[in-house]
Amino acid sequence: MKSKTKEIMSIEDNSISIISENMNINGDIESFSGSVEVLGQVVGNCNIKNLTIRETGFLKGNIIGESVKIKGNVEGNIEVKVLKIFSTAKIIGDISYTTLSIEDGADINGNCKRFQTEVSNIEGNITKKKNS
Protein backbone atom coordinates (compact mmCIF):
# COMPACT_ATOMS: atom_id res chain seq x y z
CA MET A 1 0.00 0.00 0.00
CA LYS A 2 1.36 3.43 -0.98
CA SER A 3 1.60 6.15 1.60
CA LYS A 4 -0.32 9.37 0.97
CA THR A 5 2.93 11.33 0.78
CA LYS A 6 4.22 9.14 -2.05
CA GLU A 7 0.86 9.40 -3.86
CA ILE A 8 0.91 13.21 -3.64
CA MET A 9 4.50 13.38 -4.90
CA SER A 10 3.66 11.00 -7.73
CA ILE A 11 0.64 13.07 -8.78
CA GLU A 12 2.69 16.30 -8.71
CA ASP A 13 5.52 14.77 -10.76
CA ASN A 14 3.06 13.57 -13.43
CA SER A 15 0.83 16.65 -13.54
CA ILE A 16 0.55 18.67 -16.75
CA SER A 17 -0.30 22.37 -16.88
CA ILE A 18 -1.52 23.58 -20.26
CA ILE A 19 -1.47 27.13 -21.57
CA SER A 20 -4.08 26.76 -24.29
CA GLU A 21 -4.08 28.37 -27.74
CA ASN A 22 -6.45 31.15 -26.68
CA MET A 23 -4.38 32.12 -23.61
CA ASN A 24 -1.82 34.91 -23.31
CA ILE A 25 0.40 35.03 -20.22
CA ASN A 26 2.45 38.13 -19.39
CA GLY A 27 4.87 37.32 -16.58
CA ASP A 28 7.40 34.78 -15.42
CA ILE A 29 6.41 31.14 -14.92
CA GLU A 30 8.01 28.70 -12.46
CA SER A 31 7.22 25.01 -12.09
CA PHE A 32 9.50 22.62 -10.22
CA SER A 33 7.61 19.38 -10.83
CA GLY A 34 5.32 18.03 -13.51
CA SER A 35 5.20 19.49 -17.01
CA VAL A 36 4.04 22.69 -18.69
CA GLU A 37 2.78 22.72 -22.27
CA VAL A 38 2.47 26.01 -24.14
CA LEU A 39 0.00 26.16 -27.01
CA GLY A 40 -0.71 29.88 -26.58
CA GLN A 41 1.56 32.87 -25.93
CA VAL A 42 3.88 33.55 -22.99
CA VAL A 43 5.85 36.75 -22.55
CA GLY A 44 8.15 36.19 -19.60
CA ASN A 45 10.98 34.01 -18.36
CA CYS A 46 10.34 30.33 -17.65
CA ASN A 47 12.06 28.29 -14.95
CA ILE A 48 10.37 24.96 -15.60
CA LYS A 49 11.53 21.40 -15.01
CA ASN A 50 9.73 19.93 -18.08
CA LEU A 51 8.51 22.29 -20.81
CA THR A 52 6.96 21.70 -24.22
CA ILE A 53 6.31 24.53 -26.68
CA ARG A 54 3.74 23.13 -29.14
CA GLU A 55 3.47 24.13 -32.82
CA THR A 56 1.00 26.93 -32.01
CA GLY A 57 3.01 28.09 -28.98
CA PHE A 58 5.07 31.26 -28.72
CA LEU A 59 7.39 32.14 -25.85
CA LYS A 60 9.27 35.42 -25.57
CA GLY A 61 11.68 35.14 -22.66
CA ASN A 62 14.52 33.03 -21.33
CA ILE A 63 14.09 29.34 -20.46
CA ILE A 64 15.85 27.38 -17.70
CA GLY A 65 14.87 23.73 -17.35
CA GLU A 66 15.79 20.08 -17.28
CA SER A 67 13.85 18.74 -20.28
CA VAL A 68 12.54 21.03 -23.01
CA LYS A 69 10.85 20.20 -26.32
CA ILE A 70 10.33 22.98 -28.86
CA LYS A 71 7.93 22.65 -31.77
CA GLY A 72 6.81 26.31 -31.89
CA ASN A 73 8.46 29.74 -31.61
CA VAL A 74 10.90 30.94 -28.95
CA GLU A 75 12.58 34.33 -28.67
CA GLY A 76 15.06 34.15 -25.81
CA ASN A 77 18.02 32.27 -24.43
CA ILE A 78 17.68 28.62 -23.44
CA GLU A 79 19.65 26.81 -20.71
CA VAL A 80 18.63 23.16 -20.36
CA LYS A 81 19.88 19.69 -19.59
CA VAL A 82 18.01 17.91 -22.44
CA LEU A 83 16.71 19.84 -25.45
CA LYS A 84 14.75 18.47 -28.39
CA ILE A 85 14.13 20.86 -31.28
CA PHE A 86 11.58 19.70 -33.83
CA SER A 87 11.36 20.60 -37.54
CA THR A 88 8.57 23.15 -36.92
CA ALA A 89 10.60 25.12 -34.35
CA LYS A 90 11.79 28.69 -34.82
CA ILE A 91 14.27 29.92 -32.21
CA ILE A 92 15.95 33.30 -31.86
CA GLY A 93 18.46 33.19 -29.01
CA ASP A 94 21.47 31.40 -27.61
CA ILE A 95 21.21 27.79 -26.45
CA SER A 96 23.21 26.08 -23.67
CA TYR A 97 22.59 22.37 -23.27
CA THR A 98 23.94 19.02 -22.11
CA THR A 99 22.07 16.87 -24.66
CA LEU A 100 20.66 18.31 -27.89
CA SER A 101 18.71 16.88 -30.82
CA ILE A 102 17.58 18.92 -33.81
CA GLU A 103 15.29 17.73 -36.60
CA ASP A 104 15.87 18.83 -40.20
CA GLY A 105 13.97 22.01 -40.99
CA ALA A 106 14.28 23.67 -37.58
CA ASP A 107 15.11 27.38 -37.80
CA ILE A 108 17.68 28.49 -35.20
CA ASN A 109 19.20 31.98 -35.11
CA GLY A 110 21.70 32.01 -32.26
CA ASN A 111 24.69 30.24 -30.78
CA CYS A 112 24.60 26.68 -29.42
CA LYS A 113 27.01 25.74 -26.64
CA ARG A 114 27.33 22.45 -24.81
CA PHE A 115 27.87 22.70 -21.06
CA GLN A 116 31.44 21.85 -20.16
CA THR A 117 30.64 21.57 -16.45
CA GLU A 118 28.36 19.26 -14.50
CA VAL A 119 24.64 19.78 -15.12
CA SER A 120 24.13 20.59 -11.45
CA ASN A 121 24.47 24.20 -12.65
CA ILE A 122 21.01 23.98 -14.22
CA GLU A 123 19.54 22.13 -11.27
CA GLY A 124 21.11 24.75 -8.99
CA ASN A 125 19.44 27.55 -10.95
CA ILE A 126 16.08 25.78 -10.66
CA THR A 127 16.59 25.25 -6.91
CA LYS A 128 17.73 28.85 -6.35
CA LYS A 129 14.61 30.18 -8.03
CA LYS A 130 12.42 27.77 -6.04
CA ASN A 131 13.89 28.87 -2.70
CA SER A 132 13.76 32.61 -3.50
C-alpha atoms as a PDB file:
ATOM      1  CA  MET A   1       0.000   0.000   0.000  1.00  0.00           C
ATOM      2  CA  LYS A   2       1.359   3.428  -0.977  1.00  0.00           C
ATOM      3  CA  SER A   3       1.604   6.154   1.602  1.00  0.00           C
ATOM      4  CA  LYS A   4      -0.319   9.365   0.967  1.00  0.00           C
ATOM      5  CA  THR A   5       2.930  11.334   0.780  1.00  0.00           C
ATOM      6  CA  LYS A   6       4.217   9.138  -2.055  1.00  0.00           C
ATOM      7  CA  GLU A   7       0.861   9.402  -3.856  1.00  0.00           C
ATOM      8  CA  ILE A   8       0.912  13.207  -3.640  1.00  0.00           C
ATOM      9  CA  MET A   9       4.499  13.383  -4.897  1.00  0.00           C
ATOM     10  CA  SER A  10       3.658  10.996  -7.732  1.00  0.00           C
ATOM     11  CA  ILE A  11       0.639  13.074  -8.782  1.00  0.00           C
ATOM     12  CA  GLU A  12       2.688  16.303  -8.710  1.00  0.00           C
ATOM     13  CA  ASP A  13       5.516  14.773 -10.764  1.00  0.00           C
ATOM     14  CA  ASN A  14       3.060  13.567 -13.427  1.00  0.00           C
ATOM     15  CA  SER A  15       0.831  16.650 -13.544  1.00  0.00           C
ATOM     16  CA  ILE A  16       0.553  18.669 -16.750  1.00  0.00           C
ATOM     17  CA  SER A  17      -0.300  22.372 -16.875  1.00  0.00           C
ATOM     18  CA  ILE A  18      -1.522  23.585 -20.258  1.00  0.00           C
ATOM     19  CA  ILE A  19      -1.467  27.133 -21.568  1.00  0.00           C
ATOM     20  CA  SER A  20      -4.080  26.764 -24.289  1.00  0.00           C
ATOM     21  CA  GLU A  21      -4.083  28.373 -27.736  1.00  0.00           C
ATOM     22  CA  ASN A  22      -6.450  31.148 -26.684  1.00  0.00           C
ATOM     23  CA  MET A  23      -4.377  32.124 -23.606  1.00  0.00           C
ATOM     24  CA  ASN A  24      -1.817  34.913 -23.314  1.00  0.00           C
ATOM     25  CA  ILE A  25       0.397  35.035 -20.217  1.00  0.00           C
ATOM     26  CA  ASN A  26       2.445  38.131 -19.393  1.00  0.00           C
ATOM     27  CA  GLY A  27       4.865  37.324 -16.576  1.00  0.00           C
ATOM     28  CA  ASP A  28       7.405  34.782 -15.423  1.00  0.00           C
ATOM     29  CA  ILE A  29       6.412  31.137 -14.920  1.00  0.00           C
ATOM     30  CA  GLU A  30       8.007  28.700 -12.463  1.00  0.00           C
ATOM     31  CA  SER A  31       7.224  25.006 -12.092  1.00  0.00           C
ATOM     32  CA  PHE A  32       9.501  22.624 -10.221  1.00  0.00           C
ATOM     33  CA  SER A  33       7.613  19.384 -10.835  1.00  0.00           C
ATOM     34  CA  GLY A  34       5.321  18.035 -13.513  1.00  0.00           C
ATOM     35  CA  SER A  35       5.196  19.490 -17.009  1.00  0.00           C
ATOM     36  CA  VAL A  36       4.038  22.686 -18.687  1.00  0.00           C
ATOM     37  CA  GLU A  37       2.780  22.725 -22.271  1.00  0.00           C
ATOM     38  CA  VAL A  38       2.473  26.010 -24.142  1.00  0.00           C
ATOM     39  CA  LEU A  39      -0.004  26.159 -27.013  1.00  0.00           C
ATOM     40  CA  GLY A  40      -0.708  29.884 -26.576  1.00  0.00           C
ATOM     41  CA  GLN A  41       1.556  32.866 -25.932  1.00  0.00           C
ATOM     42  CA  VAL A  42       3.877  33.548 -22.994  1.00  0.00           C
ATOM     43  CA  VAL A  43       5.849  36.754 -22.550  1.00  0.00           C
ATOM     44  CA  GLY A  44       8.151  36.189 -19.597  1.00  0.00           C
ATOM     45  CA  ASN A  45      10.980  34.013 -18.357  1.00  0.00           C
ATOM     46  CA  CYS A  46      10.340  30.333 -17.650  1.00  0.00           C
ATOM     47  CA  ASN A  47      12.056  28.291 -14.949  1.00  0.00           C
ATOM     48  CA  ILE A  48      10.369  24.955 -15.599  1.00  0.00           C
ATOM     49  CA  LYS A  49      11.527  21.399 -15.006  1.00  0.00           C
ATOM     50  CA  ASN A  50       9.734  19.933 -18.084  1.00  0.00           C
ATOM     51  CA  LEU A  51       8.508  22.286 -20.810  1.00  0.00           C
ATOM     52  CA  THR A  52       6.960  21.705 -24.216  1.00  0.00           C
ATOM     53  CA  ILE A  53       6.310  24.526 -26.682  1.00  0.00           C
ATOM     54  CA  ARG A  54       3.737  23.135 -29.139  1.00  0.00           C
ATOM     55  CA  GLU A  55       3.465  24.129 -32.819  1.00  0.00           C
ATOM     56  CA  THR A  56       0.999  26.931 -32.008  1.00  0.00           C
ATOM     57  CA  GLY A  57       3.007  28.092 -28.985  1.00  0.00           C
ATOM     58  CA  PHE A  58       5.068  31.262 -28.715  1.00  0.00           C
ATOM     59  CA  LEU A  59       7.394  32.136 -25.848  1.00  0.00           C
ATOM     60  CA  LYS A  60       9.272  35.420 -25.574  1.00  0.00           C
ATOM     61  CA  GLY A  61      11.678  35.136 -22.658  1.00  0.00           C
ATOM     62  CA  ASN A  62      14.515  33.028 -21.327  1.00  0.00           C
ATOM     63  CA  ILE A  63      14.095  29.343 -20.464  1.00  0.00           C
ATOM     64  CA  ILE A  64      15.845  27.378 -17.703  1.00  0.00           C
ATOM     65  CA  GLY A  65      14.871  23.730 -17.347  1.00  0.00           C
ATOM     66  CA  GLU A  66      15.793  20.080 -17.284  1.00  0.00           C
ATOM     67  CA  SER A  67      13.855  18.745 -20.276  1.00  0.00           C
ATOM     68  CA  VAL A  68      12.537  21.033 -23.012  1.00  0.00           C
ATOM     69  CA  LYS A  69      10.846  20.204 -26.322  1.00  0.00           C
ATOM     70  CA  ILE A  70      10.333  22.977 -28.856  1.00  0.00           C
ATOM     71  CA  LYS A  71       7.928  22.653 -31.774  1.00  0.00           C
ATOM     72  CA  GLY A  72       6.814  26.307 -31.892  1.00  0.00           C
ATOM     73  CA  ASN A  73       8.460  29.735 -31.607  1.00  0.00           C
ATOM     74  CA  VAL A  74      10.897  30.939 -28.945  1.00  0.00           C
ATOM     75  CA  GLU A  75      12.583  34.332 -28.670  1.00  0.00           C
ATOM     76  CA  GLY A  76      15.064  34.155 -25.814  1.00  0.00           C
ATOM     77  CA  ASN A  77      18.022  32.272 -24.425  1.00  0.00           C
ATOM     78  CA  ILE A  78      17.681  28.618 -23.445  1.00  0.00           C
ATOM     79  CA  GLU A  79      19.652  26.814 -20.714  1.00  0.00           C
ATOM     80  CA  VAL A  80      18.629  23.160 -20.355  1.00  0.00           C
ATOM     81  CA  LYS A  81      19.880  19.690 -19.593  1.00  0.00           C
ATOM     82  CA  VAL A  82      18.015  17.910 -22.437  1.00  0.00           C
ATOM     83  CA  LEU A  83      16.709  19.843 -25.449  1.00  0.00           C
ATOM     84  CA  LYS A  84      14.751  18.470 -28.392  1.00  0.00           C
ATOM     85  CA  ILE A  85      14.130  20.861 -31.276  1.00  0.00           C
ATOM     86  CA  PHE A  86      11.584  19.700 -33.834  1.00  0.00           C
ATOM     87  CA  SER A  87      11.362  20.603 -37.539  1.00  0.00           C
ATOM     88  CA  THR A  88       8.572  23.145 -36.924  1.00  0.00           C
ATOM     89  CA  ALA A  89      10.602  25.122 -34.345  1.00  0.00           C
ATOM     90  CA  LYS A  90      11.793  28.689 -34.819  1.00  0.00           C
ATOM     91  CA  ILE A  91      14.267  29.923 -32.212  1.00  0.00           C
ATOM     92  CA  ILE A  92      15.950  33.302 -31.861  1.00  0.00           C
ATOM     93  CA  GLY A  93      18.463  33.192 -29.008  1.00  0.00           C
ATOM     94  CA  ASP A  94      21.470  31.401 -27.611  1.00  0.00           C
ATOM     95  CA  ILE A  95      21.212  27.791 -26.455  1.00  0.00           C
ATOM     96  CA  SER A  96      23.208  26.082 -23.675  1.00  0.00           C
ATOM     97  CA  TYR A  97      22.592  22.366 -23.266  1.00  0.00           C
ATOM     98  CA  THR A  98      23.940  19.024 -22.113  1.00  0.00           C
ATOM     99  CA  THR A  99      22.071  16.875 -24.658  1.00  0.00           C
ATOM    100  CA  LEU A 100      20.661  18.313 -27.891  1.00  0.00           C
ATOM    101  CA  SER A 101      18.714  16.878 -30.815  1.00  0.00           C
ATOM    102  CA  ILE A 102      17.585  18.918 -33.810  1.00  0.00           C
ATOM    103  CA  GLU A 103      15.291  17.734 -36.604  1.00  0.00           C
ATOM    104  CA  ASP A 104      15.867  18.827 -40.202  1.00  0.00           C
ATOM    105  CA  GLY A 105      13.965  22.011 -40.989  1.00  0.00           C
ATOM    106  CA  ALA A 106      14.279  23.668 -37.581  1.00  0.00           C
ATOM    107  CA  ASP A 107      15.112  27.379 -37.800  1.00  0.00           C
ATOM    108  CA  ILE A 108      17.680  28.493 -35.204  1.00  0.00           C
ATOM    109  CA  ASN A 109      19.198  31.982 -35.110  1.00  0.00           C
ATOM    110  CA  GLY A 110      21.700  32.008 -32.259  1.00  0.00           C
ATOM    111  CA  ASN A 111      24.693  30.240 -30.781  1.00  0.00           C
ATOM    112  CA  CYS A 112      24.601  26.684 -29.423  1.00  0.00           C
ATOM    113  CA  LYS A 113      27.015  25.740 -26.641  1.00  0.00           C
ATOM    114  CA  ARG A 114      27.326  22.447 -24.809  1.00  0.00           C
ATOM    115  CA  PHE A 115      27.874  22.700 -21.058  1.00  0.00           C
ATOM    116  CA  GLN A 116      31.444  21.847 -20.157  1.00  0.00           C
ATOM    117  CA  THR A 117      30.638  21.570 -16.450  1.00  0.00           C
ATOM    118  CA  GLU A 118      28.361  19.261 -14.505  1.00  0.00           C
ATOM    119  CA  VAL A 119      24.643  19.779 -15.120  1.00  0.00           C
ATOM    120  CA  SER A 120      24.126  20.593 -11.449  1.00  0.00           C
ATOM    121  CA  ASN A 121      24.474  24.202 -12.650  1.00  0.00           C
ATOM    122  CA  ILE A 122      21.010  23.985 -14.224  1.00  0.00           C
ATOM    123  CA  GLU A 123      19.535  22.131 -11.272  1.00  0.00           C
ATOM    124  CA  GLY A 124      21.105  24.747  -8.991  1.00  0.00           C
ATOM    125  CA  ASN A 125      19.439  27.548 -10.947  1.00  0.00           C
ATOM    126  CA  ILE A 126      16.084  25.781 -10.658  1.00  0.00           C
ATOM    127  CA  THR A 127      16.586  25.255  -6.912  1.00  0.00           C
ATOM    128  CA  LYS A 128      17.729  28.850  -6.353  1.00  0.00           C
ATOM    129  CA  LYS A 129      14.607  30.180  -8.031  1.00  0.00           C
ATOM    130  CA  LYS A 130      12.423  27.768  -6.043  1.00  0.00           C
ATOM    131  CA  ASN A 131      13.893  28.869  -2.700  1.00  0.00           C
ATOM    132  CA  SER A 132      13.763  32.605  -3.496  1.00  0.00           C
END
